[in-house]
Amino acid sequence: MAPAAQSKKIKETEAERFKSRKQALDWLKQNGHKVSTGKFYQDCAAGYPMVAADGSVSKYQVLSYANDLGTQARPDLSVIESREFDQRKARADAEMAEMKAEKMRRESDKLWLHADDAWSVIAGLVGGLRDGIRHQLYTSRRELVHTAGGDQDLSMEFFEAVDAVIDSAFNETAKKSMNIQFEREVE
């Protein structure tokens, strides 16, 4: 640029003015310069940028002031950068939602009994029931034989016969719903 043209441009810029310090500060902030209100007003009071008698401030001095402070306007995000930001944000939001859903599923699962555990509990209960019936039958065999009017010496044979019937009943039930087999214990 020729020196005369450059001189003319500087004079035009110096002639442009902000109506007030507030307007100059707002312009700086709108253009991405990080300047605190207090600092800017103190610098104006110290004479740079200079405030005219009518309260106006030279645009040229305000630009020069911003450059002297080393503040630079924040660059606008390009379309690609903003899309990338939106995509990263969407991914992060989706991950957060998935983490919340997983936490809710775990909380819900605590209230349920899993199938393997349920079958194990059921098998334990059925086994306990069978053992309880056998125990009661064994301890009550003499009374049962007496009630039936039978020979007390045959009470053990009575117990074994009834125990075989109980085993058969439990095995029939197990065949229908569970994969277990009850066998007579050999004493």
N, C-alpha and C. Protein backbone atom coordinates (compact mmCIF):
# COMPACT_ATOMS: atom_id res chain seq x y z
N MET A 1 0.86 -1.16 0.00
CA MET A 1 0.00 0.00 0.00
C MET A 1 0.91 1.23 0.00
N ALA A 2 0.57 2.17 -0.79
CA ALA A 2 1.36 3.41 -0.90
C ALA A 2 1.26 4.19 0.40
N PRO A 3 2.33 4.92 0.77
CA PRO A 3 2.32 5.68 2.02
C PRO A 3 1.17 6.67 2.10
N ALA A 4 0.78 7.29 1.00
CA ALA A 4 -0.32 8.26 1.03
C ALA A 4 -1.64 7.56 1.32
N ALA A 5 -1.83 6.37 0.71
CA ALA A 5 -3.07 5.61 0.91
C ALA A 5 -3.14 5.10 2.34
N GLN A 6 -1.98 4.67 2.86
CA GLN A 6 -1.95 4.17 4.23
C GLN A 6 -2.24 5.30 5.21
N SER A 7 -1.68 6.46 4.97
CA SER A 7 -1.90 7.62 5.82
C SER A 7 -3.37 8.01 5.81
N LYS A 8 -4.00 7.96 4.60
CA LYS A 8 -5.42 8.31 4.48
C LYS A 8 -6.28 7.33 5.25
N LYS A 9 -5.93 6.02 5.19
CA LYS A 9 -6.70 5.00 5.88
C LYS A 9 -6.62 5.19 7.39
N ILE A 10 -5.41 5.49 7.90
CA ILE A 10 -5.24 5.72 9.33
C ILE A 10 -6.07 6.92 9.77
N LYS A 11 -6.08 7.98 8.99
CA LYS A 11 -6.85 9.18 9.35
C LYS A 11 -8.34 8.88 9.36
N GLU A 12 -8.80 8.05 8.37
CA GLU A 12 -10.23 7.70 8.35
C GLU A 12 -10.57 6.89 9.60
N THR A 13 -9.68 5.95 9.97
CA THR A 13 -9.93 5.11 11.14
C THR A 13 -9.90 5.95 12.40
N GLU A 14 -8.96 6.91 12.48
CA GLU A 14 -8.89 7.79 13.65
C GLU A 14 -10.12 8.67 13.74
N ALA A 15 -10.71 8.98 12.62
CA ALA A 15 -11.89 9.84 12.62
C ALA A 15 -13.13 9.08 13.10
N GLU A 16 -13.14 7.77 12.95
CA GLU A 16 -14.28 6.98 13.41
C GLU A 16 -14.21 6.88 14.92
N ARG A 17 -15.36 7.04 15.56
CA ARG A 17 -15.36 7.09 17.02
C ARG A 17 -16.54 6.30 17.58
N PHE A 18 -16.33 5.82 18.78
CA PHE A 18 -17.42 5.24 19.57
C PHE A 18 -18.02 6.39 20.36
N LYS A 19 -19.33 6.36 20.58
CA LYS A 19 -19.98 7.46 21.29
C LYS A 19 -19.59 7.52 22.76
N SER A 20 -19.25 6.34 23.33
CA SER A 20 -18.90 6.32 24.76
C SER A 20 -17.92 5.19 25.04
N ARG A 21 -17.37 5.21 26.25
CA ARG A 21 -16.48 4.12 26.66
C ARG A 21 -17.23 2.80 26.70
N LYS A 22 -18.48 2.85 27.16
CA LYS A 22 -19.30 1.63 27.23
C LYS A 22 -19.48 1.02 25.85
N GLN A 23 -19.75 1.85 24.85
CA GLN A 23 -19.92 1.36 23.49
C GLN A 23 -18.60 0.74 22.99
N ALA A 24 -17.48 1.35 23.31
CA ALA A 24 -16.18 0.82 22.91
C ALA A 24 -15.91 -0.53 23.59
N LEU A 25 -16.22 -0.60 24.88
CA LEU A 25 -16.02 -1.85 25.63
C LEU A 25 -16.92 -2.96 25.08
N ASP A 26 -18.19 -2.61 24.82
CA ASP A 26 -19.11 -3.60 24.25
C ASP A 26 -18.61 -4.11 22.91
N TRP A 27 -18.07 -3.19 22.09
CA TRP A 27 -17.56 -3.59 20.78
C TRP A 27 -16.38 -4.56 20.95
N LEU A 28 -15.49 -4.26 21.90
CA LEU A 28 -14.36 -5.14 22.16
C LEU A 28 -14.84 -6.55 22.56
N LYS A 29 -15.78 -6.59 23.47
CA LYS A 29 -16.29 -7.88 23.95
C LYS A 29 -17.02 -8.63 22.83
N GLN A 30 -17.80 -7.91 22.01
CA GLN A 30 -18.52 -8.56 20.91
C GLN A 30 -17.57 -9.14 19.88
N ASN A 31 -16.41 -8.56 19.76
CA ASN A 31 -15.43 -9.04 18.80
C ASN A 31 -14.45 -10.02 19.43
N GLY A 32 -14.77 -10.51 20.60
CA GLY A 32 -14.01 -11.59 21.20
C GLY A 32 -12.81 -11.20 22.03
N HIS A 33 -12.63 -9.92 22.29
CA HIS A 33 -11.50 -9.49 23.11
C HIS A 33 -11.89 -9.61 24.57
N LYS A 34 -11.00 -10.21 25.34
CA LYS A 34 -11.27 -10.42 26.76
C LYS A 34 -10.71 -9.25 27.54
N VAL A 35 -11.59 -8.35 27.91
CA VAL A 35 -11.19 -7.14 28.65
C VAL A 35 -12.22 -6.93 29.75
N SER A 36 -11.74 -6.75 30.97
CA SER A 36 -12.68 -6.50 32.05
C SER A 36 -13.11 -5.02 32.03
N THR A 37 -14.29 -4.76 32.52
CA THR A 37 -14.82 -3.40 32.54
C THR A 37 -13.93 -2.49 33.38
N GLY A 38 -13.57 -2.94 34.57
CA GLY A 38 -12.75 -2.13 35.46
C GLY A 38 -11.40 -1.78 34.83
N LYS A 39 -10.73 -2.75 34.24
CA LYS A 39 -9.43 -2.51 33.60
C LYS A 39 -9.56 -1.52 32.46
N PHE A 40 -10.58 -1.69 31.62
CA PHE A 40 -10.76 -0.80 30.47
C PHE A 40 -11.02 0.64 30.94
N TYR A 41 -11.89 0.82 31.94
CA TYR A 41 -12.20 2.16 32.44
C TYR A 41 -10.98 2.80 33.11
N GLN A 42 -10.16 2.00 33.83
CA GLN A 42 -8.94 2.54 34.45
C GLN A 42 -7.97 3.01 33.38
N ASP A 43 -7.83 2.21 32.32
CA ASP A 43 -6.92 2.59 31.24
C ASP A 43 -7.41 3.85 30.53
N CYS A 44 -8.72 3.97 30.37
CA CYS A 44 -9.27 5.18 29.76
C CYS A 44 -8.98 6.40 30.64
N ALA A 45 -9.12 6.23 31.96
CA ALA A 45 -8.85 7.33 32.89
C ALA A 45 -7.37 7.71 32.85
N ALA A 46 -6.50 6.71 32.58
CA ALA A 46 -5.06 6.97 32.50
C ALA A 46 -4.69 7.60 31.16
N GLY A 47 -5.63 7.61 30.19
CA GLY A 47 -5.38 8.31 28.93
C GLY A 47 -5.20 7.43 27.71
N TYR A 48 -5.29 6.10 27.88
CA TYR A 48 -5.16 5.27 26.69
C TYR A 48 -6.09 4.09 26.79
N PRO A 49 -7.06 4.01 25.94
CA PRO A 49 -7.45 4.91 24.85
C PRO A 49 -8.00 6.21 25.43
N MET A 50 -7.74 7.25 24.71
CA MET A 50 -8.09 8.58 25.18
C MET A 50 -9.58 8.84 24.96
N VAL A 51 -10.22 9.40 25.99
CA VAL A 51 -11.63 9.76 25.91
C VAL A 51 -11.70 11.25 25.60
N ALA A 52 -12.43 11.59 24.55
CA ALA A 52 -12.56 13.00 24.14
C ALA A 52 -13.46 13.73 25.11
N ALA A 53 -13.50 15.04 25.01
CA ALA A 53 -14.32 15.89 25.89
C ALA A 53 -15.80 15.52 25.78
N ASP A 54 -16.24 15.09 24.61
CA ASP A 54 -17.65 14.72 24.45
C ASP A 54 -17.93 13.28 24.91
N GLY A 55 -16.89 12.58 25.42
CA GLY A 55 -17.06 11.21 25.92
C GLY A 55 -16.81 10.14 24.88
N SER A 56 -16.53 10.52 23.65
CA SER A 56 -16.31 9.54 22.59
C SER A 56 -14.88 8.99 22.66
N VAL A 57 -14.69 7.81 22.01
CA VAL A 57 -13.39 7.14 22.02
C VAL A 57 -13.06 6.76 20.58
N SER A 58 -11.82 6.97 20.19
CA SER A 58 -11.37 6.67 18.83
C SER A 58 -11.35 5.15 18.61
N LYS A 59 -11.95 4.70 17.49
CA LYS A 59 -11.93 3.28 17.16
C LYS A 59 -10.50 2.81 16.93
N TYR A 60 -9.70 3.65 16.33
CA TYR A 60 -8.31 3.30 16.07
C TYR A 60 -7.58 3.04 17.38
N GLN A 61 -7.78 3.90 18.37
CA GLN A 61 -7.11 3.72 19.66
C GLN A 61 -7.62 2.47 20.38
N VAL A 62 -8.91 2.18 20.22
CA VAL A 62 -9.47 0.98 20.86
C VAL A 62 -8.86 -0.28 20.25
N LEU A 63 -8.70 -0.29 18.91
CA LEU A 63 -8.06 -1.43 18.25
C LEU A 63 -6.61 -1.55 18.69
N SER A 64 -5.93 -0.44 18.74
CA SER A 64 -4.55 -0.41 19.17
C SER A 64 -4.44 -0.88 20.62
N TYR A 65 -5.37 -0.46 21.45
CA TYR A 65 -5.42 -0.87 22.86
C TYR A 65 -5.55 -2.39 22.96
N ALA A 66 -6.45 -2.95 22.19
CA ALA A 66 -6.65 -4.40 22.23
C ALA A 66 -5.38 -5.13 21.81
N ASN A 67 -4.71 -4.64 20.78
CA ASN A 67 -3.47 -5.27 20.33
C ASN A 67 -2.37 -5.14 21.37
N ASP A 68 -2.31 -4.00 22.05
CA ASP A 68 -1.29 -3.78 23.08
C ASP A 68 -1.50 -4.72 24.28
N LEU A 69 -2.74 -5.00 24.59
CA LEU A 69 -3.03 -5.90 25.71
C LEU A 69 -2.69 -7.35 25.36
N GLY A 70 -2.59 -7.63 24.07
CA GLY A 70 -2.30 -9.00 23.65
C GLY A 70 -3.54 -9.86 23.58
N THR A 71 -4.68 -9.23 23.70
CA THR A 71 -5.90 -10.01 23.58
C THR A 71 -6.21 -10.19 22.12
N GLN A 72 -6.68 -11.36 21.81
CA GLN A 72 -7.05 -11.62 20.43
C GLN A 72 -8.48 -12.09 20.41
N ALA A 73 -9.11 -11.76 19.32
CA ALA A 73 -10.49 -12.19 19.16
C ALA A 73 -10.52 -13.71 19.08
N ARG A 74 -11.53 -14.29 19.69
CA ARG A 74 -11.70 -15.73 19.59
C ARG A 74 -12.15 -16.06 18.18
N PRO A 75 -11.49 -16.97 17.53
CA PRO A 75 -11.93 -17.32 16.18
C PRO A 75 -13.27 -18.03 16.22
N ASP A 76 -14.10 -17.77 15.25
CA ASP A 76 -15.38 -18.46 15.15
C ASP A 76 -15.12 -19.90 14.73
N LEU A 77 -15.91 -20.78 15.29
CA LEU A 77 -15.77 -22.18 14.89
C LEU A 77 -16.26 -22.34 13.46
N SER A 78 -15.50 -23.08 12.73
CA SER A 78 -15.95 -23.35 11.36
C SER A 78 -17.12 -24.32 11.41
N VAL A 79 -17.76 -24.48 10.30
CA VAL A 79 -18.92 -25.38 10.22
C VAL A 79 -18.49 -26.80 10.57
N ILE A 80 -17.33 -27.21 10.07
CA ILE A 80 -16.85 -28.56 10.33
C ILE A 80 -16.56 -28.75 11.82
N GLU A 81 -15.89 -27.76 12.43
CA GLU A 81 -15.59 -27.86 13.85
C GLU A 81 -16.86 -27.90 14.69
N SER A 82 -17.84 -27.12 14.31
CA SER A 82 -19.09 -27.12 15.08
C SER A 82 -19.83 -28.45 14.92
N ARG A 83 -19.76 -29.04 13.72
CA ARG A 83 -20.38 -30.37 13.53
C ARG A 83 -19.66 -31.41 14.37
N GLU A 84 -18.32 -31.35 14.37
CA GLU A 84 -17.55 -32.29 15.18
C GLU A 84 -17.89 -32.12 16.65
N PHE A 85 -18.02 -30.88 17.08
CA PHE A 85 -18.39 -30.62 18.47
C PHE A 85 -19.76 -31.20 18.77
N ASP A 86 -20.72 -30.97 17.87
CA ASP A 86 -22.07 -31.50 18.05
C ASP A 86 -22.06 -33.02 18.10
N GLN A 87 -21.24 -33.64 17.25
CA GLN A 87 -21.17 -35.10 17.23
C GLN A 87 -20.55 -35.62 18.53
N ARG A 88 -19.48 -34.98 18.99
CA ARG A 88 -18.87 -35.41 20.26
C ARG A 88 -19.85 -35.23 21.41
N LYS A 89 -20.57 -34.13 21.39
CA LYS A 89 -21.55 -33.89 22.45
C LYS A 89 -22.66 -34.93 22.40
N ALA A 90 -23.13 -35.25 21.20
CA ALA A 90 -24.19 -36.26 21.05
C ALA A 90 -23.70 -37.62 21.55
N ARG A 91 -22.43 -37.98 21.20
CA ARG A 91 -21.87 -39.25 21.67
C ARG A 91 -21.76 -39.26 23.20
N ALA A 92 -21.31 -38.16 23.76
CA ALA A 92 -21.18 -38.08 25.22
C ALA A 92 -22.55 -38.19 25.88
N ASP A 93 -23.54 -37.51 25.31
CA ASP A 93 -24.89 -37.59 25.86
C ASP A 93 -25.43 -39.02 25.76
N ALA A 94 -25.17 -39.68 24.64
CA ALA A 94 -25.64 -41.06 24.46
C ALA A 94 -24.96 -42.00 25.46
N GLU A 95 -23.66 -41.79 25.68
CA GLU A 95 -22.94 -42.62 26.64
C GLU A 95 -23.48 -42.40 28.05
N MET A 96 -23.75 -41.15 28.39
CA MET A 96 -24.32 -40.86 29.71
C MET A 96 -25.68 -41.52 29.88
N ALA A 97 -26.51 -41.44 28.83
CA ALA A 97 -27.84 -42.06 28.88
C ALA A 97 -27.70 -43.58 29.03
N GLU A 98 -26.76 -44.18 28.33
CA GLU A 98 -26.54 -45.63 28.42
C GLU A 98 -26.06 -46.02 29.82
N MET A 99 -25.17 -45.19 30.39
CA MET A 99 -24.69 -45.47 31.74
C MET A 99 -25.84 -45.40 32.75
N LYS A 100 -26.71 -44.40 32.59
CA LYS A 100 -27.86 -44.29 33.49
C LYS A 100 -28.80 -45.47 33.32
N ALA A 101 -29.04 -45.89 32.07
CA ALA A 101 -29.91 -47.03 31.81
C ALA A 101 -29.31 -48.31 32.40
N GLU A 102 -28.01 -48.49 32.26
CA GLU A 102 -27.33 -49.67 32.82
C GLU A 102 -27.45 -49.68 34.34
N LYS A 103 -27.29 -48.51 34.95
CA LYS A 103 -27.42 -48.43 36.40
C LYS A 103 -28.85 -48.78 36.83
N MET A 104 -29.83 -48.29 36.07
CA MET A 104 -31.22 -48.61 36.39
C MET A 104 -31.49 -50.11 36.21
N ARG A 105 -30.89 -50.72 35.16
CA ARG A 105 -31.07 -52.16 34.95
C ARG A 105 -30.46 -52.94 36.12
N ARG A 106 -29.28 -52.52 36.57
CA ARG A 106 -28.66 -53.22 37.70
C ARG A 106 -29.51 -53.09 38.95
N GLU A 107 -30.04 -51.90 39.18
CA GLU A 107 -30.91 -51.70 40.34
C GLU A 107 -32.15 -52.58 40.24
N SER A 108 -32.71 -52.68 39.05
CA SER A 108 -33.89 -53.52 38.82
C SER A 108 -33.55 -54.99 38.98
N ASP A 109 -32.38 -55.40 38.51
CA ASP A 109 -31.97 -56.80 38.61
C ASP A 109 -31.80 -57.25 40.05
N LYS A 110 -31.47 -56.32 40.93
CA LYS A 110 -31.31 -56.67 42.33
C LYS A 110 -32.62 -57.19 42.93
N LEU A 111 -33.73 -56.78 42.35
CA LEU A 111 -35.04 -57.17 42.86
C LEU A 111 -35.49 -58.53 42.34
N TRP A 112 -34.79 -59.07 41.37
CA TRP A 112 -35.20 -60.32 40.74
C TRP A 112 -34.27 -61.45 41.13
N LEU A 113 -34.80 -62.66 41.08
CA LEU A 113 -34.03 -63.86 41.32
C LEU A 113 -33.76 -64.50 39.97
N HIS A 114 -32.52 -64.72 39.62
CA HIS A 114 -32.18 -65.29 38.32
C HIS A 114 -32.64 -66.74 38.25
N ALA A 115 -32.89 -67.22 37.04
CA ALA A 115 -33.46 -68.55 36.83
C ALA A 115 -32.60 -69.64 37.48
N ASP A 116 -31.29 -69.61 37.29
CA ASP A 116 -30.43 -70.63 37.89
C ASP A 116 -30.54 -70.62 39.41
N ASP A 117 -30.55 -69.41 39.97
CA ASP A 117 -30.69 -69.30 41.43
C ASP A 117 -32.06 -69.78 41.88
N ALA A 118 -33.09 -69.44 41.09
CA ALA A 118 -34.45 -69.86 41.45
C ALA A 118 -34.58 -71.38 41.44
N TRP A 119 -34.05 -72.01 40.40
CA TRP A 119 -34.13 -73.47 40.33
C TRP A 119 -33.33 -74.10 41.46
N SER A 120 -32.23 -73.50 41.81
CA SER A 120 -31.43 -74.02 42.91
C SER A 120 -32.20 -73.92 44.23
N VAL A 121 -32.86 -72.79 44.44
CA VAL A 121 -33.65 -72.61 45.65
C VAL A 121 -34.82 -73.59 45.68
N ILE A 122 -35.48 -73.75 44.54
CA ILE A 122 -36.62 -74.68 44.47
C ILE A 122 -36.16 -76.10 44.73
N ALA A 123 -35.05 -76.51 44.11
CA ALA A 123 -34.53 -77.86 44.34
C ALA A 123 -34.18 -78.06 45.81
N GLY A 124 -33.60 -77.03 46.43
CA GLY A 124 -33.28 -77.12 47.86
C GLY A 124 -34.52 -77.28 48.71
N LEU A 125 -35.56 -76.52 48.37
CA LEU A 125 -36.82 -76.62 49.13
C LEU A 125 -37.46 -77.99 48.96
N VAL A 126 -37.48 -78.48 47.73
CA VAL A 126 -38.09 -79.80 47.47
C VAL A 126 -37.29 -80.89 48.17
N GLY A 127 -35.95 -80.77 48.10
CA GLY A 127 -35.11 -81.75 48.81
C GLY A 127 -35.34 -81.69 50.31
N GLY A 128 -35.46 -80.47 50.84
CA GLY A 128 -35.72 -80.30 52.26
C GLY A 128 -37.08 -80.86 52.65
N LEU A 129 -38.07 -80.66 51.77
CA LEU A 129 -39.41 -81.21 52.02
C LEU A 129 -39.36 -82.73 52.06
N ARG A 130 -38.67 -83.32 51.10
CA ARG A 130 -38.54 -84.78 51.04
C ARG A 130 -37.87 -85.30 52.30
N ASP A 131 -36.75 -84.67 52.70
CA ASP A 131 -36.05 -85.11 53.91
C ASP A 131 -36.92 -84.94 55.15
N GLY A 132 -37.69 -83.86 55.21
CA GLY A 132 -38.58 -83.63 56.34
C GLY A 132 -39.67 -84.70 56.42
N ILE A 133 -40.24 -85.06 55.28
CA ILE A 133 -41.27 -86.10 55.25
C ILE A 133 -40.66 -87.43 55.68
N ARG A 134 -39.48 -87.76 55.17
CA ARG A 134 -38.82 -89.03 55.53
C ARG A 134 -38.52 -89.07 57.03
N HIS A 135 -38.04 -87.94 57.56
CA HIS A 135 -37.71 -87.89 58.99
C HIS A 135 -38.97 -88.10 59.83
N GLN A 136 -40.05 -87.41 59.49
CA GLN A 136 -41.30 -87.55 60.25
C GLN A 136 -41.85 -88.97 60.13
N LEU A 137 -41.74 -89.54 58.94
CA LEU A 137 -42.22 -90.91 58.73
C LEU A 137 -41.40 -91.89 59.57
N TYR A 138 -40.09 -91.70 59.58
CA TYR A 138 -39.22 -92.61 60.33
C TYR A 138 -39.49 -92.51 61.82
N THR A 139 -39.61 -91.29 62.35
CA THR A 139 -39.83 -91.13 63.79
C THR A 139 -41.25 -91.52 64.21
N SER A 140 -42.18 -91.51 63.27
CA SER A 140 -43.58 -91.82 63.60
C SER A 140 -43.99 -93.21 63.12
N ARG A 141 -43.06 -94.02 62.63
CA ARG A 141 -43.42 -95.30 62.01
C ARG A 141 -44.14 -96.22 62.98
N ARG A 142 -43.71 -96.28 64.22
CA ARG A 142 -44.35 -97.17 65.20
C ARG A 142 -45.78 -96.71 65.48
N GLU A 143 -45.97 -95.43 65.64
CA GLU A 143 -47.33 -94.91 65.89
C GLU A 143 -48.24 -95.20 64.70
N LEU A 144 -47.71 -95.00 63.48
CA LEU A 144 -48.51 -95.26 62.29
C LEU A 144 -48.88 -96.74 62.17
N VAL A 145 -47.93 -97.61 62.47
CA VAL A 145 -48.22 -99.06 62.43
C VAL A 145 -49.25 -99.41 63.50
N HIS A 146 -49.09 -98.82 64.67
CA HIS A 146 -50.04 -99.07 65.76
C HIS A 146 -51.43 -98.57 65.38
N THR A 147 -51.52 -97.39 64.77
CA THR A 147 -52.80 -96.82 64.36
C THR A 147 -53.47 -97.73 63.33
N ALA A 148 -52.66 -98.36 62.48
CA ALA A 148 -53.21 -99.25 61.46
C ALA A 148 -53.48 -100.64 62.02
N GLY A 149 -53.08 -100.85 63.26
CA GLY A 149 -53.34 -102.16 63.89
C GLY A 149 -52.37 -103.22 63.43
N GLY A 150 -51.16 -102.83 63.09
CA GLY A 150 -50.19 -103.77 62.57
C GLY A 150 -49.18 -104.22 63.59
N ASP A 151 -48.27 -105.07 63.15
CA ASP A 151 -47.23 -105.65 63.99
C ASP A 151 -46.09 -104.65 64.12
N GLN A 152 -45.73 -104.32 65.37
CA GLN A 152 -44.69 -103.34 65.63
C GLN A 152 -43.32 -103.81 65.15
N ASP A 153 -43.11 -105.11 65.06
CA ASP A 153 -41.82 -105.63 64.61
C ASP A 153 -41.61 -105.36 63.11
N LEU A 154 -42.69 -105.08 62.40
CA LEU A 154 -42.60 -104.81 60.97
C LEU A 154 -42.59 -103.30 60.65
N SER A 155 -42.37 -102.47 61.67
CA SER A 155 -42.41 -101.02 61.46
C SER A 155 -41.32 -100.53 60.50
N MET A 156 -40.13 -101.17 60.51
CA MET A 156 -39.07 -100.75 59.60
C MET A 156 -39.44 -101.10 58.16
N GLU A 157 -40.05 -102.25 57.93
CA GLU A 157 -40.50 -102.63 56.60
C GLU A 157 -41.60 -101.65 56.13
N PHE A 158 -42.47 -101.27 57.06
CA PHE A 158 -43.51 -100.28 56.74
C PHE A 158 -42.85 -98.96 56.30
N PHE A 159 -41.84 -98.52 57.07
CA PHE A 159 -41.14 -97.28 56.73
C PHE A 159 -40.52 -97.36 55.34
N GLU A 160 -39.84 -98.46 55.03
CA GLU A 160 -39.19 -98.63 53.73
C GLU A 160 -40.20 -98.62 52.59
N ALA A 161 -41.35 -99.26 52.79
CA ALA A 161 -42.37 -99.32 51.75
C ALA A 161 -42.96 -97.92 51.49
N VAL A 162 -43.26 -97.22 52.56
CA VAL A 162 -43.83 -95.87 52.41
C VAL A 162 -42.77 -94.93 51.84
N ASP A 163 -41.52 -95.09 52.26
CA ASP A 163 -40.43 -94.26 51.73
C ASP A 163 -40.27 -94.47 50.22
N ALA A 164 -40.43 -95.68 49.76
CA ALA A 164 -40.36 -95.97 48.32
C ALA A 164 -41.49 -95.27 47.59
N VAL A 165 -42.66 -95.24 48.19
CA VAL A 165 -43.81 -94.54 47.58
C VAL A 165 -43.52 -93.04 47.51
N ILE A 166 -42.96 -92.49 48.57
CA ILE A 166 -42.61 -91.05 48.59
C ILE A 166 -41.57 -90.76 47.53
N ASP A 167 -40.53 -91.61 47.42
CA ASP A 167 -39.51 -91.42 46.38
C ASP A 167 -40.14 -91.43 45.00
N SER A 168 -41.06 -92.34 44.76
CA SER A 168 -41.73 -92.41 43.45
C SER A 168 -42.51 -91.12 43.18
N ALA A 169 -43.20 -90.62 44.18
CA ALA A 169 -43.98 -89.40 44.00
C ALA A 169 -43.07 -88.21 43.68
N PHE A 170 -41.97 -88.10 44.42
CA PHE A 170 -41.03 -86.99 44.15
C PHE A 170 -40.37 -87.15 42.79
N ASN A 171 -40.04 -88.38 42.40
CA ASN A 171 -39.43 -88.59 41.08
C ASN A 171 -40.40 -88.24 39.96
N GLU A 172 -41.67 -88.56 40.13
CA GLU A 172 -42.67 -88.18 39.11
C GLU A 172 -42.77 -86.67 38.98
N THR A 173 -42.74 -85.97 40.09
CA THR A 173 -42.79 -84.52 40.07
C THR A 173 -41.52 -83.94 39.43
N ALA A 174 -40.39 -84.51 39.77
CA ALA A 174 -39.12 -84.02 39.22
C ALA A 174 -39.06 -84.22 37.71
N LYS A 175 -39.62 -85.28 37.19
CA LYS A 175 -39.62 -85.54 35.74
C LYS A 175 -40.42 -84.48 35.00
N LYS A 176 -41.43 -83.95 35.62
CA LYS A 176 -42.30 -82.98 34.97
C LYS A 176 -41.67 -81.59 34.88
N SER A 177 -40.99 -81.15 35.93
CA SER A 177 -40.56 -79.76 35.94
C SER A 177 -39.08 -79.52 36.21
N MET A 178 -38.37 -80.49 36.76
CA MET A 178 -36.98 -80.27 37.09
C MET A 178 -36.16 -81.47 36.65
N ASN A 179 -34.91 -81.25 36.45
CA ASN A 179 -34.02 -82.30 36.04
C ASN A 179 -33.26 -82.83 37.26
N ILE A 180 -34.00 -83.41 38.20
CA ILE A 180 -33.37 -83.99 39.39
C ILE A 180 -33.95 -85.38 39.60
N GLN A 181 -33.23 -86.23 40.30
CA GLN A 181 -33.67 -87.61 40.56
C GLN A 181 -33.43 -87.90 42.05
N PHE A 182 -34.50 -88.27 42.72
CA PHE A 182 -34.37 -88.64 44.13
C PHE A 182 -34.14 -90.14 44.20
N GLU A 183 -33.17 -90.54 44.97
CA GLU A 183 -32.87 -91.96 45.13
C GLU A 183 -32.93 -92.31 46.61
N ARG A 184 -33.24 -93.49 46.82
CA ARG A 184 -33.34 -93.98 48.19
C ARG A 184 -31.94 -94.08 48.75
N GLU A 185 -31.74 -93.53 49.92
CA GLU A 185 -30.45 -93.60 50.56
C GLU A 185 -30.25 -94.99 51.16
N VAL A 186 -29.07 -95.53 50.94
CA VAL A 186 -28.76 -96.84 51.51
C VAL A 186 -28.13 -96.60 52.86
N GLU A 187 -28.68 -97.27 53.87
CA GLU A 187 -28.17 -97.08 55.23
C GLU A 187 -27.16 -98.13 55.58
